[in-house]
Amino acid sequence: MTQLNAVKYWLESGNRNLKSANRLVKQEHYDWGLFVGQLALEKLLKGIITKKEDKSPPPIHDLAKLAEITKIKFTQTQLKQLNEITTFNIEARYDSYKLAFYKKATRQYSQKWLKIINQLATWFISLY
């Protein structure tokens, strides 16, 4: 796969996941909406890494670490947000965390974090 094709893949896949996250939260599947929102940001960051570094991004899910690799300046608030959003990947995926995350992912909590995910995604997409 060429660099251009890889960047295109990450961007398109991230956009699809972002749309899915918004649909899931709208349909009151809050935990899965946040999980897919995390996945969208992960893919968008990996696309930025691929574009800037001309290499495959590392196979990690930690958004703050991926953000660091991009060499883009993030605020402390944004890094804290990325750290919180990273937990959605773990908490929705592993059985030992699922019930607690399901209870945590209320409508209000999910709408708050989905708004942040959308804001970050819009910024990431603008960097393409």
N, C-alpha and C. Protein backbone atom coordinates (compact mmCIF):
# COMPACT_ATOMS: atom_id res chain seq x y z
N MET A 1 0.84 -1.17 0.00
CA MET A 1 0.00 0.00 0.00
C MET A 1 0.89 1.24 0.00
N THR A 2 0.61 2.18 -0.87
CA THR A 2 1.39 3.41 -0.92
C THR A 2 1.07 4.28 0.29
N GLN A 3 1.94 5.24 0.55
CA GLN A 3 1.70 6.17 1.65
C GLN A 3 0.37 6.90 1.45
N LEU A 4 0.12 7.37 0.24
CA LEU A 4 -1.11 8.09 -0.06
C LEU A 4 -2.34 7.21 0.20
N ASN A 5 -2.28 5.97 -0.23
CA ASN A 5 -3.40 5.05 0.00
C ASN A 5 -3.59 4.76 1.49
N ALA A 6 -2.50 4.64 2.21
CA ALA A 6 -2.59 4.38 3.65
C ALA A 6 -3.22 5.58 4.37
N VAL A 7 -2.79 6.78 4.02
CA VAL A 7 -3.36 7.99 4.63
C VAL A 7 -4.85 8.07 4.32
N LYS A 8 -5.20 7.79 3.07
CA LYS A 8 -6.61 7.81 2.66
C LYS A 8 -7.41 6.78 3.46
N TYR A 9 -6.85 5.60 3.64
CA TYR A 9 -7.53 4.55 4.42
C TYR A 9 -7.82 5.03 5.84
N TRP A 10 -6.79 5.58 6.52
CA TRP A 10 -6.98 6.02 7.90
C TRP A 10 -8.03 7.12 7.99
N LEU A 11 -7.99 8.06 7.07
CA LEU A 11 -8.95 9.16 7.08
C LEU A 11 -10.37 8.66 6.85
N GLU A 12 -10.56 7.85 5.82
CA GLU A 12 -11.91 7.35 5.50
C GLU A 12 -12.44 6.44 6.61
N SER A 13 -11.59 5.58 7.13
CA SER A 13 -12.01 4.67 8.19
C SER A 13 -12.34 5.44 9.47
N GLY A 14 -11.52 6.43 9.80
CA GLY A 14 -11.79 7.26 10.96
C GLY A 14 -13.10 8.02 10.82
N ASN A 15 -13.34 8.56 9.64
CA ASN A 15 -14.61 9.27 9.38
C ASN A 15 -15.81 8.34 9.52
N ARG A 16 -15.70 7.13 8.98
CA ARG A 16 -16.80 6.15 9.11
C ARG A 16 -17.07 5.83 10.57
N ASN A 17 -15.99 5.62 11.33
CA ASN A 17 -16.16 5.31 12.75
C ASN A 17 -16.77 6.48 13.50
N LEU A 18 -16.40 7.70 13.14
CA LEU A 18 -16.96 8.87 13.80
C LEU A 18 -18.47 8.95 13.56
N LYS A 19 -18.88 8.72 12.33
CA LYS A 19 -20.31 8.72 12.01
C LYS A 19 -21.03 7.62 12.78
N SER A 20 -20.42 6.46 12.86
CA SER A 20 -21.02 5.34 13.61
C SER A 20 -21.14 5.68 15.09
N ALA A 21 -20.11 6.30 15.65
CA ALA A 21 -20.15 6.68 17.07
C ALA A 21 -21.32 7.62 17.34
N ASN A 22 -21.50 8.59 16.46
CA ASN A 22 -22.61 9.53 16.63
C ASN A 22 -23.96 8.82 16.53
N ARG A 23 -24.08 7.90 15.59
CA ARG A 23 -25.33 7.13 15.46
C ARG A 23 -25.58 6.27 16.69
N LEU A 24 -24.56 5.61 17.18
CA LEU A 24 -24.71 4.74 18.34
C LEU A 24 -25.18 5.52 19.57
N VAL A 25 -24.58 6.67 19.81
CA VAL A 25 -24.99 7.48 20.96
C VAL A 25 -26.42 7.98 20.77
N LYS A 26 -26.75 8.38 19.56
CA LYS A 26 -28.12 8.84 19.28
C LYS A 26 -29.12 7.71 19.53
N GLN A 27 -28.72 6.48 19.26
CA GLN A 27 -29.59 5.31 19.47
C GLN A 27 -29.49 4.77 20.90
N GLU A 28 -28.82 5.52 21.76
CA GLU A 28 -28.69 5.20 23.19
C GLU A 28 -27.81 3.98 23.48
N HIS A 29 -26.91 3.67 22.57
CA HIS A 29 -25.88 2.65 22.80
C HIS A 29 -24.61 3.40 23.22
N TYR A 30 -24.68 3.98 24.40
CA TYR A 30 -23.67 4.94 24.84
C TYR A 30 -22.28 4.33 24.96
N ASP A 31 -22.18 3.17 25.59
CA ASP A 31 -20.86 2.57 25.79
C ASP A 31 -20.18 2.25 24.46
N TRP A 32 -20.93 1.67 23.53
CA TRP A 32 -20.35 1.34 22.23
C TRP A 32 -20.09 2.59 21.39
N GLY A 33 -20.90 3.61 21.56
CA GLY A 33 -20.66 4.87 20.85
C GLY A 33 -19.33 5.48 21.27
N LEU A 34 -19.05 5.46 22.57
CA LEU A 34 -17.78 6.01 23.05
C LEU A 34 -16.61 5.14 22.62
N PHE A 35 -16.80 3.83 22.63
CA PHE A 35 -15.75 2.92 22.16
C PHE A 35 -15.39 3.22 20.71
N VAL A 36 -16.40 3.34 19.86
CA VAL A 36 -16.15 3.59 18.43
C VAL A 36 -15.61 5.01 18.23
N GLY A 37 -16.01 5.95 19.08
CA GLY A 37 -15.45 7.30 19.02
C GLY A 37 -13.95 7.29 19.30
N GLN A 38 -13.54 6.49 20.28
CA GLN A 38 -12.11 6.36 20.57
C GLN A 38 -11.40 5.78 19.36
N LEU A 39 -12.01 4.78 18.76
CA LEU A 39 -11.42 4.15 17.58
C LEU A 39 -11.26 5.15 16.43
N ALA A 40 -12.24 6.02 16.26
CA ALA A 40 -12.17 7.04 15.21
C ALA A 40 -10.96 7.95 15.43
N LEU A 41 -10.79 8.43 16.66
CA LEU A 41 -9.65 9.32 16.93
C LEU A 41 -8.33 8.58 16.74
N GLU A 42 -8.29 7.34 17.17
CA GLU A 42 -7.08 6.53 16.98
C GLU A 42 -6.70 6.44 15.51
N LYS A 43 -7.67 6.15 14.67
CA LYS A 43 -7.40 6.02 13.23
C LYS A 43 -6.99 7.36 12.61
N LEU A 44 -7.64 8.43 13.03
CA LEU A 44 -7.28 9.75 12.49
C LEU A 44 -5.86 10.13 12.88
N LEU A 45 -5.48 9.84 14.13
CA LEU A 45 -4.10 10.11 14.55
C LEU A 45 -3.11 9.24 13.79
N LYS A 46 -3.46 7.99 13.57
CA LYS A 46 -2.56 7.10 12.83
C LYS A 46 -2.39 7.56 11.38
N GLY A 47 -3.43 8.14 10.81
CA GLY A 47 -3.32 8.71 9.47
C GLY A 47 -2.38 9.90 9.44
N ILE A 48 -2.45 10.73 10.46
CA ILE A 48 -1.55 11.89 10.54
C ILE A 48 -0.11 11.41 10.68
N ILE A 49 0.11 10.40 11.50
CA ILE A 49 1.46 9.84 11.65
C ILE A 49 1.96 9.30 10.31
N THR A 50 1.12 8.56 9.62
CA THR A 50 1.49 7.99 8.32
C THR A 50 1.85 9.10 7.33
N LYS A 51 1.07 10.17 7.34
CA LYS A 51 1.32 11.28 6.43
C LYS A 51 2.61 12.01 6.76
N LYS A 52 2.84 12.28 8.04
CA LYS A 52 4.01 13.06 8.44
C LYS A 52 5.30 12.26 8.47
N GLU A 53 5.20 11.00 8.84
CA GLU A 53 6.40 10.19 9.06
C GLU A 53 6.69 9.23 7.91
N ASP A 54 5.74 9.04 7.01
CA ASP A 54 5.87 8.08 5.90
C ASP A 54 6.27 6.69 6.41
N LYS A 55 5.62 6.29 7.48
CA LYS A 55 5.82 4.94 8.01
C LYS A 55 4.54 4.50 8.69
N SER A 56 4.45 3.21 8.93
CA SER A 56 3.27 2.69 9.60
C SER A 56 3.26 3.13 11.05
N PRO A 57 2.10 3.50 11.57
CA PRO A 57 2.02 3.89 12.97
C PRO A 57 2.13 2.65 13.87
N PRO A 58 2.52 2.85 15.11
CA PRO A 58 2.64 1.69 16.00
C PRO A 58 1.26 1.10 16.31
N PRO A 59 1.21 -0.20 16.56
CA PRO A 59 -0.07 -0.86 16.84
C PRO A 59 -0.48 -0.68 18.31
N ILE A 60 -0.75 0.57 18.68
CA ILE A 60 -1.16 0.90 20.05
C ILE A 60 -2.49 1.64 20.00
N HIS A 61 -3.15 1.68 21.16
CA HIS A 61 -4.45 2.35 21.26
C HIS A 61 -4.38 3.63 22.09
N ASP A 62 -3.25 3.91 22.71
CA ASP A 62 -3.08 5.05 23.60
C ASP A 62 -3.05 6.35 22.79
N LEU A 63 -4.13 7.11 22.90
CA LEU A 63 -4.26 8.33 22.08
C LEU A 63 -3.21 9.38 22.43
N ALA A 64 -2.86 9.53 23.70
CA ALA A 64 -1.85 10.52 24.07
C ALA A 64 -0.48 10.15 23.49
N LYS A 65 -0.16 8.86 23.49
CA LYS A 65 1.12 8.43 22.90
C LYS A 65 1.11 8.64 21.39
N LEU A 66 -0.01 8.34 20.75
CA LEU A 66 -0.11 8.59 19.31
C LEU A 66 0.00 10.09 19.03
N ALA A 67 -0.63 10.90 19.86
CA ALA A 67 -0.56 12.36 19.70
C ALA A 67 0.88 12.84 19.80
N GLU A 68 1.62 12.28 20.74
CA GLU A 68 3.03 12.66 20.90
C GLU A 68 3.83 12.34 19.64
N ILE A 69 3.56 11.21 19.03
CA ILE A 69 4.29 10.80 17.82
C ILE A 69 4.02 11.76 16.67
N THR A 70 2.84 12.37 16.63
CA THR A 70 2.52 13.30 15.54
C THR A 70 3.37 14.57 15.59
N LYS A 71 3.93 14.86 16.77
CA LYS A 71 4.72 16.09 16.99
C LYS A 71 3.88 17.35 16.86
N ILE A 72 2.57 17.21 17.00
CA ILE A 72 1.66 18.35 17.01
C ILE A 72 1.58 18.86 18.44
N LYS A 73 1.47 20.16 18.60
CA LYS A 73 1.37 20.74 19.94
C LYS A 73 -0.06 20.57 20.46
N PHE A 74 -0.19 19.86 21.56
CA PHE A 74 -1.46 19.66 22.24
C PHE A 74 -1.42 20.40 23.57
N THR A 75 -2.57 20.91 23.98
CA THR A 75 -2.66 21.53 25.30
C THR A 75 -2.74 20.43 26.36
N GLN A 76 -2.49 20.81 27.60
CA GLN A 76 -2.63 19.84 28.70
C GLN A 76 -4.06 19.33 28.79
N THR A 77 -5.02 20.21 28.55
CA THR A 77 -6.43 19.80 28.58
C THR A 77 -6.70 18.76 27.51
N GLN A 78 -6.20 18.98 26.32
CA GLN A 78 -6.40 18.01 25.23
C GLN A 78 -5.76 16.67 25.56
N LEU A 79 -4.58 16.69 26.15
CA LEU A 79 -3.91 15.44 26.51
C LEU A 79 -4.69 14.69 27.59
N LYS A 80 -5.25 15.43 28.56
CA LYS A 80 -6.09 14.80 29.57
C LYS A 80 -7.33 14.19 28.93
N GLN A 81 -7.91 14.91 27.98
CA GLN A 81 -9.08 14.39 27.27
C GLN A 81 -8.71 13.11 26.51
N LEU A 82 -7.59 13.12 25.83
CA LEU A 82 -7.15 11.93 25.09
C LEU A 82 -6.93 10.75 26.03
N ASN A 83 -6.37 11.02 27.21
CA ASN A 83 -6.17 9.95 28.18
C ASN A 83 -7.50 9.37 28.65
N GLU A 84 -8.48 10.22 28.91
CA GLU A 84 -9.81 9.73 29.32
C GLU A 84 -10.46 8.95 28.19
N ILE A 85 -10.38 9.46 26.97
CA ILE A 85 -11.01 8.78 25.83
C ILE A 85 -10.34 7.43 25.57
N THR A 86 -9.04 7.33 25.80
CA THR A 86 -8.35 6.05 25.64
C THR A 86 -8.97 4.98 26.53
N THR A 87 -9.44 5.36 27.71
CA THR A 87 -10.04 4.37 28.62
C THR A 87 -11.30 3.75 28.02
N PHE A 88 -11.96 4.44 27.10
CA PHE A 88 -13.18 3.89 26.50
C PHE A 88 -12.86 2.63 25.70
N ASN A 89 -11.66 2.57 25.15
CA ASN A 89 -11.24 1.39 24.39
C ASN A 89 -11.12 0.18 25.30
N ILE A 90 -10.52 0.38 26.45
CA ILE A 90 -10.29 -0.71 27.39
C ILE A 90 -11.59 -1.10 28.08
N GLU A 91 -12.33 -0.09 28.55
CA GLU A 91 -13.50 -0.35 29.36
C GLU A 91 -14.65 -0.99 28.58
N ALA A 92 -14.73 -0.74 27.30
CA ALA A 92 -15.80 -1.35 26.50
C ALA A 92 -15.40 -2.71 25.94
N ARG A 93 -14.12 -2.99 25.96
CA ARG A 93 -13.61 -4.19 25.30
C ARG A 93 -13.50 -5.39 26.24
N TYR A 94 -13.08 -5.17 27.46
CA TYR A 94 -12.76 -6.29 28.35
C TYR A 94 -13.87 -6.52 29.37
N ASP A 95 -14.26 -7.78 29.50
CA ASP A 95 -15.40 -8.14 30.34
C ASP A 95 -15.30 -7.63 31.77
N SER A 96 -14.12 -7.64 32.33
CA SER A 96 -13.97 -7.21 33.72
C SER A 96 -14.29 -5.72 33.91
N TYR A 97 -14.30 -4.95 32.84
CA TYR A 97 -14.59 -3.52 32.91
C TYR A 97 -15.96 -3.16 32.33
N LYS A 98 -16.53 -4.04 31.54
CA LYS A 98 -17.72 -3.69 30.74
C LYS A 98 -18.90 -3.19 31.56
N LEU A 99 -19.26 -3.87 32.63
CA LEU A 99 -20.44 -3.47 33.40
C LEU A 99 -20.24 -2.10 34.03
N ALA A 100 -19.07 -1.87 34.59
CA ALA A 100 -18.79 -0.56 35.20
C ALA A 100 -18.84 0.54 34.15
N PHE A 101 -18.30 0.28 32.97
CA PHE A 101 -18.32 1.29 31.91
C PHE A 101 -19.73 1.52 31.40
N TYR A 102 -20.51 0.45 31.29
CA TYR A 102 -21.90 0.56 30.86
C TYR A 102 -22.66 1.49 31.81
N LYS A 103 -22.43 1.35 33.10
CA LYS A 103 -23.10 2.20 34.10
C LYS A 103 -22.57 3.64 34.06
N LYS A 104 -21.30 3.78 33.80
CA LYS A 104 -20.65 5.10 33.74
C LYS A 104 -21.11 5.88 32.51
N ALA A 105 -21.36 5.18 31.42
CA ALA A 105 -21.69 5.82 30.14
C ALA A 105 -23.18 6.20 30.09
N THR A 106 -23.54 7.14 30.93
CA THR A 106 -24.92 7.65 30.93
C THR A 106 -25.11 8.55 29.71
N ARG A 107 -26.34 8.96 29.50
CA ARG A 107 -26.62 9.86 28.38
C ARG A 107 -25.81 11.16 28.50
N GLN A 108 -25.84 11.77 29.68
CA GLN A 108 -25.13 13.04 29.88
C GLN A 108 -23.63 12.87 29.70
N TYR A 109 -23.06 11.86 30.32
CA TYR A 109 -21.63 11.59 30.21
C TYR A 109 -21.23 11.34 28.76
N SER A 110 -22.01 10.53 28.07
CA SER A 110 -21.70 10.16 26.69
C SER A 110 -21.82 11.34 25.75
N GLN A 111 -22.84 12.16 25.94
CA GLN A 111 -23.00 13.33 25.07
C GLN A 111 -21.86 14.32 25.29
N LYS A 112 -21.44 14.48 26.55
CA LYS A 112 -20.31 15.37 26.84
C LYS A 112 -19.05 14.88 26.11
N TRP A 113 -18.75 13.59 26.25
CA TRP A 113 -17.52 13.07 25.66
C TRP A 113 -17.61 12.92 24.16
N LEU A 114 -18.78 12.65 23.64
CA LEU A 114 -18.92 12.59 22.18
C LEU A 114 -18.69 13.97 21.56
N LYS A 115 -19.13 15.01 22.25
CA LYS A 115 -18.88 16.38 21.77
C LYS A 115 -17.37 16.64 21.70
N ILE A 116 -16.65 16.23 22.73
CA ILE A 116 -15.19 16.41 22.75
C ILE A 116 -14.55 15.58 21.64
N ILE A 117 -15.00 14.35 21.47
CA ILE A 117 -14.47 13.49 20.40
C ILE A 117 -14.69 14.15 19.04
N ASN A 118 -15.88 14.68 18.82
CA ASN A 118 -16.17 15.35 17.54
C ASN A 118 -15.29 16.58 17.33
N GLN A 119 -15.06 17.35 18.39
CA GLN A 119 -14.19 18.53 18.27
C GLN A 119 -12.76 18.13 17.92
N LEU A 120 -12.24 17.13 18.62
CA LEU A 120 -10.89 16.66 18.32
C LEU A 120 -10.80 16.09 16.91
N ALA A 121 -11.80 15.33 16.52
CA ALA A 121 -11.81 14.73 15.18
C ALA A 121 -11.82 15.80 14.10
N THR A 122 -12.61 16.83 14.29
CA THR A 122 -12.66 17.94 13.32
C THR A 122 -11.28 18.57 13.18
N TRP A 123 -10.62 18.78 14.30
CA TRP A 123 -9.27 19.35 14.27
C TRP A 123 -8.30 18.40 13.56
N PHE A 124 -8.35 17.11 13.91
CA PHE A 124 -7.44 16.15 13.28
C PHE A 124 -7.66 16.11 11.77
N ILE A 125 -8.90 16.09 11.35
CA ILE A 125 -9.21 16.04 9.91
C ILE A 125 -8.67 17.27 9.20
N SER A 126 -8.71 18.42 9.87
CA SER A 126 -8.19 19.65 9.26
C SER A 126 -6.69 19.58 9.03
N LEU A 127 -6.01 18.68 9.71
CA LEU A 127 -4.55 18.54 9.58
C LEU A 127 -4.14 17.65 8.41
N TYR A 128 -5.12 17.07 7.75
CA TYR A 128 -4.82 16.23 6.59
C TYR A 128 -4.54 17.12 5.39
